[in-house]
Structure formats: C-alpha cells, structure tokens
Amino acid sequence: MNAIGPYSPYVRKGGFIFVSGQLGIDEEGRIAGDIEKQTRKAIENLIAVVEEAGGSTENIVKVTVYLKDIADFNLMNKVYSEYFVKNPPARTTVGVASLPKEALVELDAVVKV
C-alpha cells in the first residue's frame, strides 16, 4: 500500500499494529465510486495493510470510521458487517467535514499481535 502523504501505512509498537487511515482507492489512486464501493475498497485496503504488517482480521480490536456524510451510515454499516461478522472489533464512527481525495469514507484500525 502506498501512502498518499508523509506517513507510514502502519506502525508496530508494544504488541499492537496501528493502521493509518485507508481510503477506498485502487492501485492507481482512483476513488472507488459510491459509498458502498468506497467502503468495500477501504476495508479491503485496511485488511491488506493488516496482513502486510503480519496481523490478521481476527485480531483487529478497534476501528474508527470517518464519514463525509453521516447520512451514509446505514450503507457503510451494511458493507462493514459483511467483513466483520464474528466477534467484530470495537468501533467509532464520526462525521467529518472532508476527507483526502474527496473520499466519502476512511477507516483506521488497531490490531493486537
């Protein structure tokens, strides 16, 4: 995963992996589409970083979801629930004024290793 700014996609510290915010962008840096497509791609990007860092989705303990429009909560939640079915991590969802690349959703995570 390539960061779109001067930061690491993840940092391992004290038995945890801290995953930086992941957008719903493809390998060429294009935004995936509507909120459902962006959520799906952002989660897939998040999972790829977790696995690259040596973690697994079962060990994700906390996710923060940033939504450009909190009215998209139900659509985001529908997609999110497909990925975190059994023992989902703790989660916070917040509405924000804007996100990089005019994205609709961004996710970050904390993973126990």
C-alpha atoms as a PDB file:
ATOM      1  CA  MET A   1       0.000   0.000   0.000  1.00  0.00           C
ATOM      2  CA  ASN A   2       1.327   3.412  -0.910  1.00  0.00           C
ATOM      3  CA  ALA A   3       0.637   6.277   1.457  1.00  0.00           C
ATOM      4  CA  ILE A   4      -0.696   9.483  -0.114  1.00  0.00           C
ATOM      5  CA  GLY A   5       1.270  11.586   2.349  1.00  0.00           C
ATOM      6  CA  PRO A   6       4.349  11.588   4.596  1.00  0.00           C
ATOM      7  CA  TYR A   7       3.300   8.777   6.956  1.00  0.00           C
ATOM      8  CA  SER A   8       3.610   5.017   7.348  1.00  0.00           C
ATOM      9  CA  PRO A   9       0.705   2.761   6.383  1.00  0.00           C
ATOM     10  CA  TYR A  10       1.204   1.075   9.770  1.00  0.00           C
ATOM     11  CA  VAL A  11       3.408   1.099  12.851  1.00  0.00           C
ATOM     12  CA  ARG A  12       4.096  -1.878  15.152  1.00  0.00           C
ATOM     13  CA  LYS A  13       4.514  -0.871  18.784  1.00  0.00           C
ATOM     14  CA  GLY A  14       4.067  -2.629  22.126  1.00  0.00           C
ATOM     15  CA  GLY A  15       2.239  -5.681  20.804  1.00  0.00           C
ATOM     16  CA  PHE A  16      -0.057  -3.664  18.553  1.00  0.00           C
ATOM     17  CA  ILE A  17      -0.253  -2.622  14.915  1.00  0.00           C
ATOM     18  CA  PHE A  18      -1.623   0.875  14.377  1.00  0.00           C
ATOM     19  CA  VAL A  19      -3.007   1.121  10.835  1.00  0.00           C
ATOM     20  CA  SER A  20      -3.205   4.569   9.264  1.00  0.00           C
ATOM     21  CA  GLY A  21      -6.393   5.744   7.585  1.00  0.00           C
ATOM     22  CA  GLN A  22      -7.334   3.809   4.469  1.00  0.00           C
ATOM     23  CA  LEU A  23      -9.436   5.258   1.689  1.00  0.00           C
ATOM     24  CA  GLY A  24     -11.474   3.422  -0.920  1.00  0.00           C
ATOM     25  CA  ILE A  25      -8.871   3.923  -3.640  1.00  0.00           C
ATOM     26  CA  ASP A  26      -7.470   1.499  -6.164  1.00  0.00           C
ATOM     27  CA  GLU A  27      -3.823   0.857  -7.047  1.00  0.00           C
ATOM     28  CA  GLU A  28      -3.807   3.845  -9.413  1.00  0.00           C
ATOM     29  CA  GLY A  29      -5.105   6.202  -6.727  1.00  0.00           C
ATOM     30  CA  ARG A  30      -8.650   6.460  -8.092  1.00  0.00           C
ATOM     31  CA  ILE A  31     -11.634   6.684  -5.742  1.00  0.00           C
ATOM     32  CA  ALA A  32     -13.827   3.571  -5.997  1.00  0.00           C
ATOM     33  CA  GLY A  33     -17.274   5.154  -6.590  1.00  0.00           C
ATOM     34  CA  ASP A  34     -20.292   5.438  -4.293  1.00  0.00           C
ATOM     35  CA  ILE A  35     -20.222   4.945  -0.510  1.00  0.00           C
ATOM     36  CA  GLU A  36     -20.722   1.183  -0.728  1.00  0.00           C
ATOM     37  CA  LYS A  37     -17.902   0.703  -3.246  1.00  0.00           C
ATOM     38  CA  GLN A  38     -15.607   3.042  -1.324  1.00  0.00           C
ATOM     39  CA  THR A  39     -16.358   1.275   1.968  1.00  0.00           C
ATOM     40  CA  ARG A  40     -15.667  -2.124   0.423  1.00  0.00           C
ATOM     41  CA  LYS A  41     -12.366  -0.962  -1.099  1.00  0.00           C
ATOM     42  CA  ALA A  42     -11.312   0.900   2.069  1.00  0.00           C
ATOM     43  CA  ILE A  43     -11.899  -2.252   4.149  1.00  0.00           C
ATOM     44  CA  GLU A  44     -10.003  -4.367   1.605  1.00  0.00           C
ATOM     45  CA  ASN A  45      -7.134  -1.855   1.725  1.00  0.00           C
ATOM     46  CA  LEU A  46      -7.218  -1.923   5.531  1.00  0.00           C
ATOM     47  CA  ILE A  47      -7.111  -5.732   5.576  1.00  0.00           C
ATOM     48  CA  ALA A  48      -4.201  -5.729   3.089  1.00  0.00           C
ATOM     49  CA  VAL A  49      -2.192  -3.415   5.369  1.00  0.00           C
ATOM     50  CA  VAL A  50      -3.031  -5.514   8.442  1.00  0.00           C
ATOM     51  CA  GLU A  51      -1.840  -8.666   6.658  1.00  0.00           C
ATOM     52  CA  GLU A  52       1.267  -6.920   5.275  1.00  0.00           C
ATOM     53  CA  ALA A  53       2.114  -5.941   8.866  1.00  0.00           C
ATOM     54  CA  GLY A  54       1.810  -9.575   9.988  1.00  0.00           C
ATOM     55  CA  GLY A  55      -1.607  -9.299  11.612  1.00  0.00           C
ATOM     56  CA  SER A  56      -4.974 -10.835  10.843  1.00  0.00           C
ATOM     57  CA  THR A  57      -8.531  -9.544  10.712  1.00  0.00           C
ATOM     58  CA  GLU A  58      -9.432 -11.676  13.746  1.00  0.00           C
ATOM     59  CA  ASN A  59      -7.011  -9.570  15.813  1.00  0.00           C
ATOM     60  CA  ILE A  60      -8.415  -6.154  14.855  1.00  0.00           C
ATOM     61  CA  VAL A  61      -9.549  -4.727  18.196  1.00  0.00           C
ATOM     62  CA  LYS A  62     -10.653  -1.200  17.217  1.00  0.00           C
ATOM     63  CA  VAL A  63     -11.761   0.514  14.006  1.00  0.00           C
ATOM     64  CA  THR A  64     -12.558   4.162  13.506  1.00  0.00           C
ATOM     65  CA  VAL A  65     -14.752   5.068  10.534  1.00  0.00           C
ATOM     66  CA  TYR A  66     -14.799   8.627   9.212  1.00  0.00           C
ATOM     67  CA  LEU A  67     -17.781   9.530   7.020  1.00  0.00           C
ATOM     68  CA  LYS A  68     -18.034  12.675   4.938  1.00  0.00           C
ATOM     69  CA  ASP A  69     -21.821  12.402   5.257  1.00  0.00           C
ATOM     70  CA  ILE A  70     -23.164  10.715   8.383  1.00  0.00           C
ATOM     71  CA  ALA A  71     -26.339  10.010   6.376  1.00  0.00           C
ATOM     72  CA  ASP A  72     -24.257   7.262   4.677  1.00  0.00           C
ATOM     73  CA  PHE A  73     -24.018   5.394   7.996  1.00  0.00           C
ATOM     74  CA  ASN A  74     -26.521   2.645   7.111  1.00  0.00           C
ATOM     75  CA  LEU A  75     -24.986   1.950   3.686  1.00  0.00           C
ATOM     76  CA  MET A  76     -21.466   1.885   5.145  1.00  0.00           C
ATOM     77  CA  ASN A  77     -22.640  -0.326   8.004  1.00  0.00           C
ATOM     78  CA  LYS A  78     -24.225  -2.812   5.598  1.00  0.00           C
ATOM     79  CA  VAL A  79     -20.911  -3.332   3.788  1.00  0.00           C
ATOM     80  CA  TYR A  80     -18.847  -3.217   7.005  1.00  0.00           C
ATOM     81  CA  SER A  81     -20.957  -6.006   8.526  1.00  0.00           C
ATOM     82  CA  GLU A  82     -20.030  -8.322   5.625  1.00  0.00           C
ATOM     83  CA  TYR A  83     -16.363  -8.186   6.659  1.00  0.00           C
ATOM     84  CA  PHE A  84     -16.670  -8.250  10.448  1.00  0.00           C
ATOM     85  CA  VAL A  85     -19.239 -10.960  11.129  1.00  0.00           C
ATOM     86  CA  LYS A  86     -17.886 -12.930  14.095  1.00  0.00           C
ATOM     87  CA  ASN A  87     -16.625 -11.000  17.136  1.00  0.00           C
ATOM     88  CA  PRO A  88     -16.496  -7.613  15.402  1.00  0.00           C
ATOM     89  CA  PRO A  89     -13.984  -5.100  16.755  1.00  0.00           C
ATOM     90  CA  ALA A  90     -14.939  -2.099  18.840  1.00  0.00           C
ATOM     91  CA  ARG A  91     -15.801   0.778  16.527  1.00  0.00           C
ATOM     92  CA  THR A  92     -16.332   4.505  16.477  1.00  0.00           C
ATOM     93  CA  THR A  93     -17.997   6.257  13.532  1.00  0.00           C
ATOM     94  CA  VAL A  94     -17.751  10.008  13.148  1.00  0.00           C
ATOM     95  CA  GLY A  95     -18.967  12.502  10.578  1.00  0.00           C
ATOM     96  CA  VAL A  96     -16.274  14.796   9.207  1.00  0.00           C
ATOM     97  CA  ALA A  97     -16.264  17.899   7.008  1.00  0.00           C
ATOM     98  CA  SER A  98     -13.994  16.418   4.359  1.00  0.00           C
ATOM     99  CA  LEU A  99     -11.507  13.634   3.615  1.00  0.00           C
ATOM    100  CA  PRO A 100      -8.416  13.400   1.383  1.00  0.00           C
ATOM    101  CA  LYS A 101      -9.066  12.985  -2.356  1.00  0.00           C
ATOM    102  CA  GLU A 102     -12.702  13.976  -1.728  1.00  0.00           C
ATOM    103  CA  ALA A 103     -13.344  10.464  -0.404  1.00  0.00           C
ATOM    104  CA  LEU A 104     -16.623   9.567   1.270  1.00  0.00           C
ATOM    105  CA  VAL A 105     -15.150   7.183   3.880  1.00  0.00           C
ATOM    106  CA  GLU A 106     -11.844   6.455   5.621  1.00  0.00           C
ATOM    107  CA  LEU A 107     -11.005   3.741   8.164  1.00  0.00           C
ATOM    108  CA  ASP A 108      -8.129   3.218  10.561  1.00  0.00           C
ATOM    109  CA  ALA A 109      -7.541   0.363  12.989  1.00  0.00           C
ATOM    110  CA  VAL A 110      -5.678  -1.002  15.986  1.00  0.00           C
ATOM    111  CA  VAL A 111      -4.614  -4.654  15.822  1.00  0.00           C
ATOM    112  CA  LYS A 112      -3.342  -6.839  18.681  1.00  0.00           C
ATOM    113  CA  VAL A 113      -0.390  -9.052  17.699  1.00  0.00           C
END
